[in-house]
Amino acid sequence: MFRTTIFNATVNAAVNSNSVNISRLDTASVQVNVTNESSPNGSVTLQASNDDSTWIDVTGSATNITDGSDIMLNLADVGYKYLRAAFARTSGSWDAEVIVAGKERKV
């Protein structure tokens, strides 16, 4: 089982997490833990890339962040190489931790 933290910081502006190479995963889950909210109003969207440079939103992954928002997103049949989380902030602030875990492919 694969598991890594790709972001652990305060969100008070638009910000992207670190990227992670998930090419060896069959499935993946992304957990976003939101704490220390101060009237949060924003969103998180998963983004995918095959070159770690050009990023495309993962369809259906955009999720609003409001008070008490902890988020779990599941990805099946992962076909891209890199993944990151993109935070958009409208107002307020919050601390976020993003954990990626997944089932590795059998070789």
Protein backbone atom coordinates (compact mmCIF):
# COMPACT_ATOMS: atom_id res chain seq x y z
CA MET A 1 0.00 0.00 0.00
CA PHE A 2 1.27 3.44 -0.99
CA ARG A 3 0.75 6.51 1.25
CA THR A 4 2.26 10.01 1.25
CA THR A 5 1.41 13.54 2.37
CA ILE A 6 1.67 16.09 -0.47
CA PHE A 7 0.47 19.23 1.37
CA ASN A 8 0.33 20.42 4.98
CA ALA A 9 -0.06 24.19 5.29
CA THR A 10 -2.41 27.13 5.73
CA VAL A 11 -4.54 28.08 2.74
CA ASN A 12 -5.03 31.86 2.65
CA ALA A 13 -4.57 32.32 -1.12
CA ALA A 14 -4.73 30.12 -4.21
CA VAL A 15 -2.07 27.43 -3.83
CA ASN A 16 -1.08 24.06 -5.32
CA SER A 17 0.22 21.07 -3.41
CA ASN A 18 3.38 19.23 -4.31
CA SER A 19 2.92 16.67 -7.06
CA VAL A 20 3.25 12.94 -6.56
CA ASN A 21 4.11 10.24 -9.08
CA ILE A 22 1.22 7.77 -8.99
CA SER A 23 2.06 5.82 -12.16
CA ARG A 24 2.51 2.60 -10.20
CA LEU A 25 -0.98 2.79 -8.64
CA ASP A 26 -4.10 1.01 -9.89
CA THR A 27 -6.39 3.01 -7.62
CA ALA A 28 -5.84 6.04 -5.44
CA SER A 29 -7.66 7.98 -2.77
CA VAL A 30 -7.03 11.56 -1.77
CA GLN A 31 -7.94 12.68 1.74
CA VAL A 32 -8.12 16.41 2.49
CA ASN A 33 -8.21 17.20 6.20
CA VAL A 34 -9.40 20.75 6.91
CA THR A 35 -8.77 22.29 10.36
CA ASN A 36 -8.47 25.69 12.04
CA GLU A 37 -11.12 27.15 9.79
CA SER A 38 -11.71 30.90 9.81
CA SER A 39 -14.88 31.33 7.72
CA PRO A 40 -13.48 29.21 4.88
CA ASN A 41 -14.92 29.63 1.42
CA GLY A 42 -13.04 27.96 -1.41
CA SER A 43 -12.50 24.70 -3.21
CA VAL A 44 -10.01 21.97 -3.93
CA THR A 45 -9.62 20.32 -7.34
CA LEU A 46 -7.40 17.38 -8.19
CA GLN A 47 -5.17 17.93 -11.20
CA ALA A 48 -3.36 15.36 -13.34
CA SER A 49 -0.29 15.53 -15.58
CA ASN A 50 1.90 13.21 -17.60
CA ASP A 51 4.89 15.59 -17.66
CA ASP A 52 4.70 17.25 -14.19
CA SER A 53 4.35 20.59 -15.98
CA THR A 54 1.01 20.84 -17.78
CA TRP A 55 -1.91 20.31 -15.40
CA ILE A 56 -5.49 19.32 -16.25
CA ASP A 57 -8.40 19.18 -13.79
CA VAL A 58 -9.55 15.65 -12.96
CA THR A 59 -13.20 15.52 -14.03
CA GLY A 60 -15.61 15.52 -11.10
CA SER A 61 -12.98 16.24 -8.46
CA ALA A 62 -13.80 19.88 -7.66
CA THR A 63 -15.14 20.06 -4.10
CA ASN A 64 -16.20 23.09 -2.06
CA ILE A 65 -14.52 23.80 1.26
CA THR A 66 -16.69 25.27 4.03
CA ASP A 67 -16.70 24.93 7.83
CA GLY A 68 -16.03 21.34 8.87
CA SER A 69 -15.08 20.10 5.40
CA ASP A 70 -13.03 16.92 5.38
CA ILE A 71 -12.95 15.37 1.93
CA MET A 72 -12.25 11.92 0.48
CA LEU A 73 -11.93 11.50 -3.28
CA ASN A 74 -11.46 8.08 -4.90
CA LEU A 75 -9.77 7.50 -8.26
CA ALA A 76 -10.09 4.22 -10.18
CA ASP A 77 -8.06 3.06 -13.18
CA VAL A 78 -5.46 5.79 -12.76
CA GLY A 79 -3.89 6.39 -16.19
CA TYR A 80 -1.83 9.53 -15.61
CA LYS A 81 1.60 9.86 -14.05
CA TYR A 82 1.34 12.79 -11.63
CA LEU A 83 -1.33 14.12 -9.29
CA ARG A 84 -1.64 17.30 -7.22
CA ALA A 85 -4.32 19.28 -5.37
CA ALA A 86 -5.15 22.84 -6.41
CA PHE A 87 -6.79 25.07 -3.79
CA ALA A 88 -8.86 28.11 -4.76
CA ARG A 89 -9.76 30.57 -2.01
CA THR A 90 -12.65 33.02 -2.15
CA SER A 91 -12.48 34.15 1.49
CA GLY A 92 -11.38 33.05 4.94
CA SER A 93 -8.52 30.68 5.64
CA TRP A 94 -7.94 27.11 6.77
CA ASP A 95 -5.21 24.58 7.38
CA ALA A 96 -5.17 21.65 5.00
CA GLU A 97 -3.39 18.33 4.91
CA VAL A 98 -3.58 16.29 1.69
CA ILE A 99 -2.80 12.57 1.89
CA VAL A 100 -2.61 10.32 -1.17
CA ALA A 101 -2.90 6.57 -0.72
CA GLY A 102 -3.40 3.78 -3.18
CA LYS A 103 -3.14 0.19 -4.23
CA GLU A 104 0.02 -0.55 -6.18
CA ARG A 105 -0.05 -2.49 -9.45
CA LYS A 106 1.15 -6.05 -9.36
CA VAL A 107 4.10 -6.65 -11.68
